């Protein structure tokens, strides 16, 4: 899935593109295919390892 991931990140392949895989009866938009839907989900950044310092008065 490396090439697909890179193309999704650069916008060359979007969730509205049609895709097909063996076993599917018809083409479907990529966001509805379970193996591809994760390419389009936006994950939040990781939490910081420690909280920010408190302001000093």
PDB file of N, CA and C in Angstrom:
ATOM      1  N   UNK A   1       0.828  -1.196   0.000  1.00  0.00           N
ATOM      2  CA  UNK A   1       0.000   0.000   0.000  1.00  0.00           C
ATOM      3  C   UNK A   1       0.868   1.254   0.000  1.00  0.00           C
ATOM      4  N   UNK A   2       2.184   1.112  -0.106  1.00  0.00           N
ATOM      5  CA  UNK A   2       3.079   2.253  -0.064  1.00  0.00           C
ATOM      6  C   UNK A   2       2.824   3.284  -1.144  1.00  0.00           C
ATOM      7  N   UNK A   3       2.671   2.837  -2.406  1.00  0.00           N
ATOM      8  CA  UNK A   3       2.429   3.776  -3.503  1.00  0.00           C
ATOM      9  C   UNK A   3       1.096   4.492  -3.323  1.00  0.00           C
ATOM     10  N   UNK A   4       0.075   3.742  -2.908  1.00  0.00           N
ATOM     11  CA  UNK A   4      -1.238   4.346  -2.702  1.00  0.00           C
ATOM     12  C   UNK A   4      -1.206   5.382  -1.600  1.00  0.00           C
ATOM     13  N   UNK A   5      -0.475   5.086  -0.544  1.00  0.00           N
ATOM     14  CA  UNK A   5      -0.371   6.014   0.574  1.00  0.00           C
ATOM     15  C   UNK A   5       0.298   7.307   0.124  1.00  0.00           C
ATOM     16  N   UNK A   6       1.372   7.193  -0.634  1.00  0.00           N
ATOM     17  CA  UNK A   6       2.082   8.389  -1.105  1.00  0.00           C
ATOM     18  C   UNK A   6       1.191   9.211  -2.037  1.00  0.00           C
ATOM     19  N   UNK A   7       0.473   8.541  -2.926  1.00  0.00           N
ATOM     20  CA  UNK A   7      -0.411   9.255  -3.853  1.00  0.00           C
ATOM     21  C   UNK A   7      -1.561   9.914  -3.104  1.00  0.00           C
ATOM     22  N   UNK A   8      -2.048   9.289  -2.045  1.00  0.00           N
ATOM     23  CA  UNK A   8      -3.113   9.894  -1.246  1.00  0.00           C
ATOM     24  C   UNK A   8      -2.587  11.130  -0.512  1.00  0.00           C
ATOM     25  N   UNK A   9      -1.364  11.052  -0.002  1.00  0.00           N
ATOM     26  CA  UNK A   9      -0.778  12.181   0.722  1.00  0.00           C
ATOM     27  C   UNK A   9      -0.527  13.375  -0.184  1.00  0.00           C
ATOM     28  N   UNK A  10      -0.212  13.116  -1.447  1.00  0.00           N
ATOM     29  CA  UNK A  10       0.070  14.217  -2.371  1.00  0.00           C
ATOM     30  C   UNK A  10      -1.167  14.681  -3.130  1.00  0.00           C
ATOM     31  N   UNK A  11      -2.311  14.005  -2.902  1.00  0.00           N
ATOM     32  CA  UNK A  11      -3.543  14.407  -3.561  1.00  0.00           C
ATOM     33  C   UNK A  11      -3.734  13.813  -4.945  1.00  0.00           C
ATOM     34  N   UNK A  12      -2.826  12.927  -5.387  1.00  0.00           N
ATOM     35  CA  UNK A  12      -2.966  12.289  -6.696  1.00  0.00           C
ATOM     36  C   UNK A  12      -4.057  11.217  -6.674  1.00  0.00           C
ATOM     37  N   UNK A  13      -4.354  10.681  -5.499  1.00  0.00           N
ATOM     38  CA  UNK A  13      -5.405   9.682  -5.325  1.00  0.00           C
ATOM     39  C   UNK A  13      -6.250  10.138  -4.148  1.00  0.00           C
ATOM     40  N   UNK A  14      -7.531  10.419  -4.395  1.00  0.00           N
ATOM     41  CA  UNK A  14      -8.392  10.940  -3.338  1.00  0.00           C
ATOM     42  C   UNK A  14      -9.519   9.968  -3.033  1.00  0.00           C
ATOM     43  N   UNK A  15     -10.236  10.246  -1.961  1.00  0.00           N
ATOM     44  CA  UNK A  15     -11.332   9.367  -1.543  1.00  0.00           C
ATOM     45  C   UNK A  15     -12.477   9.342  -2.548  1.00  0.00           C
ATOM     46  N   UNK A  16     -12.494  10.285  -3.487  1.00  0.00           N
ATOM     47  CA  UNK A  16     -13.567  10.307  -4.484  1.00  0.00           C
ATOM     48  C   UNK A  16     -13.198   9.574  -5.778  1.00  0.00           C
ATOM     49  N   UNK A  17     -11.959   9.108  -5.880  1.00  0.00           N
ATOM     50  CA  UNK A  17     -11.554   8.303  -7.041  1.00  0.00           C
ATOM     51  C   UNK A  17     -12.239   6.943  -6.946  1.00  0.00           C
ATOM     52  N   UNK A  18     -12.551   6.381  -8.099  1.00  0.00           N
ATOM     53  CA  UNK A  18     -13.145   5.042  -8.132  1.00  0.00           C
ATOM     54  C   UNK A  18     -12.044   3.997  -8.121  1.00  0.00           C
ATOM     55  N   UNK A  19     -12.315   2.897  -7.431  1.00  0.00           N
ATOM     56  CA  UNK A  19     -11.365   1.792  -7.347  1.00  0.00           C
ATOM     57  C   UNK A  19     -12.138   0.479  -7.411  1.00  0.00           C
ATOM     58  N   UNK A  20     -11.411  -0.564  -7.730  1.00  0.00           N
ATOM     59  CA  UNK A  20     -12.013  -1.889  -7.828  1.00  0.00           C
ATOM     60  C   UNK A  20     -10.994  -2.897  -7.348  1.00  0.00           C
ATOM     61  N   UNK A  21     -11.461  -3.990  -6.751  1.00  0.00           N
ATOM     62  CA  UNK A  21     -10.587  -5.093  -6.371  1.00  0.00           C
ATOM     63  C   UNK A  21     -11.299  -6.389  -6.683  1.00  0.00           C
ATOM     64  N   UNK A  22     -10.549  -7.442  -6.784  1.00  0.00           N
ATOM     65  CA  UNK A  22     -11.131  -8.741  -7.094  1.00  0.00           C
ATOM     66  C   UNK A  22     -12.178  -9.095  -6.044  1.00  0.00           C
ATOM     67  N   UNK A  23     -13.319  -9.569  -6.515  1.00  0.00           N
ATOM     68  CA  UNK A  23     -14.410  -9.930  -5.626  1.00  0.00           C
ATOM     69  C   UNK A  23     -15.504  -8.873  -5.550  1.00  0.00           C
ATOM     70  N   UNK A  24     -15.221  -7.665  -6.027  1.00  0.00           N
ATOM     71  CA  UNK A  24     -16.225  -6.603  -6.021  1.00  0.00           C
ATOM     72  C   UNK A  24     -17.058  -6.707  -7.290  1.00  0.00           C
ATOM     73  N   UNK A  25     -18.348  -6.452  -7.166  1.00  0.00           N
ATOM     74  CA  UNK A  25     -19.244  -6.520  -8.324  1.00  0.00           C
ATOM     75  C   UNK A  25     -19.098  -5.300  -9.227  1.00  0.00           C
ATOM     76  N   UNK A  26     -18.744  -4.162  -8.651  1.00  0.00           N
ATOM     77  CA  UNK A  26     -18.672  -2.918  -9.423  1.00  0.00           C
ATOM     78  C   UNK A  26     -17.606  -2.002  -8.814  1.00  0.00           C
ATOM     79  N   UNK A  27     -17.238  -0.975  -9.576  1.00  0.00           N
ATOM     80  CA  UNK A  27     -16.319   0.035  -9.081  1.00  0.00           C
ATOM     81  C   UNK A  27     -16.996   0.806  -7.960  1.00  0.00           C
ATOM     82  N   UNK A  28     -16.210   1.287  -7.020  1.00  0.00           N
ATOM     83  CA  UNK A  28     -16.740   2.009  -5.859  1.00  0.00           C
ATOM     84  C   UNK A  28     -15.781   3.148  -5.527  1.00  0.00           C
ATOM     85  N   UNK A  29     -16.296   4.206  -4.898  1.00  0.00           N
ATOM     86  CA  UNK A  29     -15.397   5.292  -4.489  1.00  0.00           C
ATOM     87  C   UNK A  29     -14.454   4.757  -3.412  1.00  0.00           C
ATOM     88  N   UNK A  30     -13.226   5.212  -3.446  1.00  0.00           N
ATOM     89  CA  UNK A  30     -12.169   4.672  -2.598  1.00  0.00           C
ATOM     90  C   UNK A  30     -12.489   4.736  -1.112  1.00  0.00           C
ATOM     91  N   UNK A  31     -13.163   5.787  -0.660  1.00  0.00           N
ATOM     92  CA  UNK A  31     -13.431   5.909   0.770  1.00  0.00           C
ATOM     93  C   UNK A  31     -14.366   4.824   1.290  1.00  0.00           C
ATOM     94  N   UNK A  32     -15.094   4.144   0.413  1.00  0.00           N
ATOM     95  CA  UNK A  32     -16.016   3.092   0.833  1.00  0.00           C
ATOM     96  C   UNK A  32     -15.376   1.703   0.816  1.00  0.00           C
ATOM     97  N   UNK A  33     -14.138   1.614   0.395  1.00  0.00           N
ATOM     98  CA  UNK A  33     -13.415   0.336   0.370  1.00  0.00           C
ATOM     99  C   UNK A  33     -12.560   0.267   1.632  1.00  0.00           C
ATOM    100  N   UNK A  34     -12.830  -0.736   2.458  1.00  0.00           N
ATOM    101  CA  UNK A  34     -12.191  -0.795   3.776  1.00  0.00           C
ATOM    102  C   UNK A  34     -10.663  -0.754   3.711  1.00  0.00           C
ATOM    103  N   UNK A  35     -10.064  -1.418   2.739  1.00  0.00           N
ATOM    104  CA  UNK A  35      -8.604  -1.428   2.640  1.00  0.00           C
ATOM    105  C   UNK A  35      -8.031  -0.066   2.255  1.00  0.00           C
ATOM    106  N   UNK A  36      -8.838   0.806   1.701  1.00  0.00           N
ATOM    107  CA  UNK A  36      -8.354   2.118   1.264  1.00  0.00           C
ATOM    108  C   UNK A  36      -8.797   3.257   2.173  1.00  0.00           C
ATOM    109  N   UNK A  37      -9.865   3.062   2.917  1.00  0.00           N
ATOM    110  CA  UNK A  37     -10.432   4.167   3.703  1.00  0.00           C
ATOM    111  C   UNK A  37      -9.440   4.748   4.700  1.00  0.00           C
ATOM    112  N   UNK A  38      -8.530   3.937   5.221  1.00  0.00           N
ATOM    113  CA  UNK A  38      -7.556   4.449   6.191  1.00  0.00           C
ATOM    114  C   UNK A  38      -6.588   5.448   5.563  1.00  0.00           C
ATOM    115  N   UNK A  39      -6.439   5.413   4.243  1.00  0.00           N
ATOM    116  CA  UNK A  39      -5.553   6.371   3.576  1.00  0.00           C
ATOM    117  C   UNK A  39      -6.067   7.799   3.692  1.00  0.00           C
ATOM    118  N   UNK A  40      -7.364   7.932   3.912  1.00  0.00           N
ATOM    119  CA  UNK A  40      -7.975   9.263   3.884  1.00  0.00           C
ATOM    120  C   UNK A  40      -8.366   9.779   5.257  1.00  0.00           C
ATOM    121  N   UNK A  41      -8.141   8.990   6.296  1.00  0.00           N
ATOM    122  CA  UNK A  41      -8.475   9.459   7.634  1.00  0.00           C
ATOM    123  C   UNK A  41      -7.340  10.338   8.143  1.00  0.00           C
ATOM    124  N   UNK A  42      -7.701  11.368   8.824  1.00  0.00           N
ATOM    125  CA  UNK A  42      -6.713  12.302   9.346  1.00  0.00           C
ATOM    126  C   UNK A  42      -6.507  11.980  10.815  1.00  0.00           C
ATOM    127  N   UNK A  43      -5.300  11.615  11.162  1.00  0.00           N
ATOM    128  CA  UNK A  43      -4.970  11.294  12.548  1.00  0.00           C
ATOM    129  C   UNK A  43      -4.433  12.537  13.239  1.00  0.00           C
ATOM    130  N   UNK A  44      -4.824  12.747  14.482  1.00  0.00           N
ATOM    131  CA  UNK A  44      -4.283  13.903  15.209  1.00  0.00           C
ATOM    132  C   UNK A  44      -2.815  13.669  15.525  1.00  0.00           C
ATOM    133  N   UNK A  45      -2.070  14.737  15.760  1.00  0.00           N
ATOM    134  CA  UNK A  45      -0.663  14.561  16.110  1.00  0.00           C
ATOM    135  C   UNK A  45      -0.548  13.866  17.473  1.00  0.00           C
ATOM    136  N   UNK A  46       0.584  13.225  17.736  1.00  0.00           N
ATOM    137  CA  UNK A  46       0.737  12.556  19.042  1.00  0.00           C
ATOM    138  C   UNK A  46       0.744  13.562  20.181  1.00  0.00           C
ATOM    139  N   UNK A  47       0.326  13.099  21.329  1.00  0.00           N
ATOM    140  CA  UNK A  47       0.363  13.954  22.528  1.00  0.00           C
ATOM    141  C   UNK A  47       1.799  14.254  22.904  1.00  0.00           C
ATOM    142  N   UNK A  48       2.044  15.429  23.507  1.00  0.00           N
ATOM    143  CA  UNK A  48       3.410  15.723  23.935  1.00  0.00           C
ATOM    144  C   UNK A  48       3.816  14.769  25.049  1.00  0.00           C
ATOM    145  N   UNK A  49       5.100  14.503  25.164  1.00  0.00           N
ATOM    146  CA  UNK A  49       5.583  13.565  26.182  1.00  0.00           C
ATOM    147  C   UNK A  49       5.456  14.132  27.592  1.00  0.00           C
ATOM    148  N   UNK A  50       5.431  15.436  27.716  1.00  0.00           N
ATOM    149  CA  UNK A  50       5.230  16.054  29.030  1.00  0.00           C
ATOM    150  C   UNK A  50       4.377  17.316  28.847  1.00  0.00           C
ATOM    151  N   UNK A  51       3.634  17.673  29.874  1.00  0.00           N
ATOM    152  CA  UNK A  51       2.794  18.875  29.724  1.00  0.00           C
ATOM    153  C   UNK A  51       3.656  20.138  29.628  1.00  0.00           C
ATOM    154  N   UNK A  52       3.118  21.179  29.027  1.00  0.00           N
ATOM    155  CA  UNK A  52       3.891  22.434  28.938  1.00  0.00           C
ATOM    156  C   UNK A  52       4.075  23.030  30.323  1.00  0.00           C
ATOM    157  N   UNK A  53       5.128  23.800  30.503  1.00  0.00           N
ATOM    158  CA  UNK A  53       5.348  24.410  31.820  1.00  0.00           C
ATOM    159  C   UNK A  53       4.251  25.415  32.163  1.00  0.00           C
ATOM    160  N   UNK A  54       3.974  25.532  33.438  1.00  0.00           N
ATOM    161  CA  UNK A  54       2.979  26.519  33.887  1.00  0.00           C
ATOM    162  C   UNK A  54       3.582  27.917  33.810  1.00  0.00           C
ATOM    163  N   UNK A  55       2.754  28.897  33.476  1.00  0.00           N
ATOM    164  CA  UNK A  55       3.294  30.264  33.421  1.00  0.00           C
ATOM    165  C   UNK A  55       3.671  30.751  34.824  1.00  0.00           C
ATOM    166  N   UNK A  56       4.707  31.532  34.899  1.00  0.00           N
ATOM    167  CA  UNK A  56       5.118  32.102  36.193  1.00  0.00           C
ATOM    168  C   UNK A  56       4.491  33.474  36.339  1.00  0.00           C
ATOM    169  N   UNK A  57       4.013  33.756  37.532  1.00  0.00           N
ATOM    170  CA  UNK A  57       3.375  35.082  37.750  1.00  0.00           C
ATOM    171  C   UNK A  57       4.355  36.219  37.762  1.00  0.00           C
TER     172      UNK A  57
END
